[in-house]
C-alpha atoms as a PDB file:
ATOM      1  CA  MET A   1      43.888  37.020 -13.793  1.00  0.00           C
ATOM      2  CA  ILE A   2      43.388  39.395 -10.881  1.00  0.00           C
ATOM      3  CA  LYS A   3      43.960  37.627  -7.576  1.00  0.00           C
ATOM      4  CA  ILE A   4      42.550  39.141  -4.401  1.00  0.00           C
ATOM      5  CA  LEU A   5      43.640  37.778  -1.033  1.00  0.00           C
ATOM      6  CA  ILE A   6      41.749  38.992   2.015  1.00  0.00           C
ATOM      7  CA  ASN A   7      42.883  38.054   5.517  1.00  0.00           C
ATOM      8  CA  ARG A   8      40.498  38.358   8.455  1.00  0.00           C
ATOM      9  CA  GLU A   9      41.011  38.062  12.189  1.00  0.00           C
ATOM     10  CA  LYS A  10      37.897  37.733  14.356  1.00  0.00           C
ATOM     11  CA  LYS A  11      35.781  38.699  11.306  1.00  0.00           C
ATOM     12  CA  ASN A  12      37.742  41.950  10.877  1.00  0.00           C
ATOM     13  CA  ILE A  13      39.649  42.426   7.618  1.00  0.00           C
ATOM     14  CA  THR A  14      43.301  42.997   8.433  1.00  0.00           C
ATOM     15  CA  HIS A  15      45.087  42.621   5.100  1.00  0.00           C
ATOM     16  CA  ILE A  16      44.250  42.908   1.398  1.00  0.00           C
ATOM     17  CA  ARG A  17      46.515  41.979  -1.512  1.00  0.00           C
ATOM     18  CA  VAL A  18      45.374  42.587  -5.085  1.00  0.00           C
ATOM     19  CA  SER A  19      47.732  41.391  -7.804  1.00  0.00           C
ATOM     20  CA  GLY A  20      47.698  40.731 -11.509  1.00  0.00           C
ATOM     21  CA  HIS A  21      45.778  42.164 -14.439  1.00  0.00           C
ATOM     22  CA  GLY A  22      42.418  41.470 -16.045  1.00  0.00           C
ATOM     23  CA  GLY A  23      43.965  40.202 -19.258  1.00  0.00           C
ATOM     24  CA  GLY A  24      42.668  42.937 -21.546  1.00  0.00           C
ATOM     25  CA  LYS A  25      44.554  45.701 -23.301  1.00  0.00           C
ATOM     26  CA  ARG A  26      46.421  47.902 -20.822  1.00  0.00           C
ATOM     27  CA  GLY A  27      44.411  51.016 -20.051  1.00  0.00           C
ATOM     28  CA  GLU A  28      41.228  49.611 -21.633  1.00  0.00           C
ATOM     29  CA  ASP A  29      40.389  46.582 -19.454  1.00  0.00           C
ATOM     30  CA  ILE A  30      37.062  47.297 -17.753  1.00  0.00           C
ATOM     31  CA  VAL A  31      37.513  44.473 -15.197  1.00  0.00           C
ATOM     32  CA  CYS A  32      40.903  45.760 -14.115  1.00  0.00           C
ATOM     33  CA  ALA A  33      39.543  49.309 -13.973  1.00  0.00           C
ATOM     34  CA  GLY A  34      36.599  48.202 -11.829  1.00  0.00           C
ATOM     35  CA  VAL A  35      38.775  46.332  -9.340  1.00  0.00           C
ATOM     36  CA  ALA A  36      41.222  49.243  -9.185  1.00  0.00           C
ATOM     37  CA  ALA A  37      38.438  51.777  -8.640  1.00  0.00           C
ATOM     38  CA  ILE A  38      36.872  49.787  -5.809  1.00  0.00           C
ATOM     39  CA  THR A  39      40.102  48.944  -3.992  1.00  0.00           C
ATOM     40  CA  GLN A  40      41.713  52.357  -4.395  1.00  0.00           C
ATOM     41  CA  THR A  41      38.540  54.101  -3.224  1.00  0.00           C
ATOM     42  CA  ALA A  42      38.439  51.843  -0.160  1.00  0.00           C
ATOM     43  CA  LEU A  43      42.099  52.617   0.548  1.00  0.00           C
ATOM     44  CA  SER A  44      41.388  56.351   0.210  1.00  0.00           C
ATOM     45  CA  GLY A  45      38.550  56.016   2.716  1.00  0.00           C
ATOM     46  CA  LEU A  46      40.745  54.163   5.180  1.00  0.00           C
ATOM     47  CA  LEU A  47      43.504  56.743   4.871  1.00  0.00           C
ATOM     48  CA  HIS A  48      40.969  59.538   5.366  1.00  0.00           C
ATOM     49  CA  TYR A  49      39.617  58.043   8.594  1.00  0.00           C
ATOM     50  CA  GLY A  50      42.854  56.678  10.029  1.00  0.00           C
ATOM     51  CA  LYS A  51      46.039  57.061   8.023  1.00  0.00           C
ATOM     52  CA  ASP A  52      48.146  55.906  10.975  1.00  0.00           C
ATOM     53  CA  GLN A  53      46.305  52.567  11.001  1.00  0.00           C
ATOM     54  CA  VAL A  54      47.086  51.666   7.370  1.00  0.00           C
ATOM     55  CA  ILE A  55      50.341  50.428   5.875  1.00  0.00           C
ATOM     56  CA  TRP A  56      50.061  50.285   2.098  1.00  0.00           C
ATOM     57  CA  LYS A  57      51.886  50.025  -1.201  1.00  0.00           C
ATOM     58  CA  ASN A  58      50.725  50.452  -4.762  1.00  0.00           C
ATOM     59  CA  LYS A  59      52.809  49.627  -7.813  1.00  0.00           C
ATOM     60  CA  ASP A  60      52.130  48.212 -11.248  1.00  0.00           C
ATOM     61  CA  GLY A  61      49.946  45.151 -10.842  1.00  0.00           C
ATOM     62  CA  LEU A  62      49.934  45.218  -7.029  1.00  0.00           C
ATOM     63  CA  LEU A  63      47.925  46.989  -4.353  1.00  0.00           C
ATOM     64  CA  GLU A  64      48.436  45.835  -0.803  1.00  0.00           C
ATOM     65  CA  PHE A  65      47.328  47.255   2.506  1.00  0.00           C
ATOM     66  CA  THR A  66      47.363  46.144   6.124  1.00  0.00           C
ATOM     67  CA  ILE A  67      45.293  47.482   9.006  1.00  0.00           C
ATOM     68  CA  VAL A  68      47.280  47.939  12.243  1.00  0.00           C
ATOM     69  CA  ASP A  69      46.607  49.130  15.809  1.00  0.00           C
ATOM     70  CA  LEU A  70      42.861  49.516  15.348  1.00  0.00           C
ATOM     71  CA  ASP A  71      41.770  49.832  18.971  1.00  0.00           C
ATOM     72  CA  ASP A  72      39.272  52.709  18.701  1.00  0.00           C
ATOM     73  CA  PRO A  73      35.775  51.110  18.493  1.00  0.00           C
ATOM     74  CA  GLN A  74      34.337  53.928  16.361  1.00  0.00           C
ATOM     75  CA  ARG A  75      37.211  53.801  13.881  1.00  0.00           C
ATOM     76  CA  LYS A  76      36.953  49.983  13.791  1.00  0.00           C
ATOM     77  CA  THR A  77      33.262  50.311  12.847  1.00  0.00           C
ATOM     78  CA  ILE A  78      34.097  52.769  10.068  1.00  0.00           C
ATOM     79  CA  PHE A  79      36.940  50.603   8.731  1.00  0.00           C
ATOM     80  CA  ASN A  80      34.713  47.507   8.764  1.00  0.00           C
ATOM     81  CA  ALA A  81      32.004  49.368   6.837  1.00  0.00           C
ATOM     82  CA  VAL A  82      34.473  50.572   4.204  1.00  0.00           C
ATOM     83  CA  LEU A  83      36.116  47.151   3.821  1.00  0.00           C
ATOM     84  CA  THR A  84      32.850  45.189   3.804  1.00  0.00           C
ATOM     85  CA  THR A  85      31.536  47.461   1.057  1.00  0.00           C
ATOM     86  CA  MET A  86      34.782  46.921  -0.882  1.00  0.00           C
ATOM     87  CA  VAL A  87      34.402  43.134  -0.623  1.00  0.00           C
ATOM     88  CA  LEU A  88      30.778  43.286  -1.780  1.00  0.00           C
ATOM     89  CA  GLY A  89      31.817  45.242  -4.869  1.00  0.00           C
ATOM     90  CA  LEU A  90      34.709  42.906  -5.631  1.00  0.00           C
ATOM     91  CA  LYS A  91      32.493  39.833  -5.250  1.00  0.00           C
ATOM     92  CA  GLY A  92      30.091  41.356  -7.755  1.00  0.00           C
ATOM     93  CA  ILE A  93      32.901  41.723 -10.291  1.00  0.00           C
ATOM     94  CA  GLU A  94      34.091  38.179  -9.551  1.00  0.00           C
ATOM     95  CA  GLN A  95      30.593  36.823 -10.218  1.00  0.00           C
ATOM     96  CA  GLU A  96      30.335  38.697 -13.514  1.00  0.00           C
ATOM     97  CA  HIS A  97      33.870  37.784 -14.645  1.00  0.00           C
ATOM     98  CA  PRO A  98      34.845  34.498 -12.934  1.00  0.00           C
ATOM     99  CA  GLY A  99      37.711  33.814 -15.331  1.00  0.00           C
ATOM    100  CA  LYS A 100      39.325  37.177 -14.657  1.00  0.00           C
ATOM    101  CA  VAL A 101      38.956  37.695 -10.895  1.00  0.00           C
ATOM    102  CA  LYS A 102      39.575  35.267  -8.039  1.00  0.00           C
ATOM    103  CA  ILE A 103      38.922  36.209  -4.409  1.00  0.00           C
ATOM    104  CA  VAL A 104      40.312  34.132  -1.549  1.00  0.00           C
ATOM    105  CA  ILE A 105      39.304  34.962   2.016  1.00  0.00           C
ATOM    106  CA  LYS A 106      41.405  33.490   4.822  1.00  0.00           C
ATOM    107  CA  ASP A 107      40.183  33.550   8.391  1.00  0.00           C
ATOM    108  CA  ASN A 108      42.912  33.482  11.046  1.00  0.00           C
END
């Protein structure tokens, strides 16, 4: 199962942790590929707009990133748009494949 933990502070996403696998054959699992495409594209967008505000790591079965020092209102708006779009896409996959993807959102 792919587990996605999303932490929010004041409705702003501050941390994402994606771990696990979709359960299919490595390199052929469409659920895993979909989650990876959405999360890695979001990370690429964040790094494009503010690489100094993102701490991240990506290794087999784990993608994790944290948003830090996001004081610029324009950059905050961009980051929120990217991350909200990511969550919408991930929720769509979770709805289609509830036994393979689990999203937990924690508000701090």
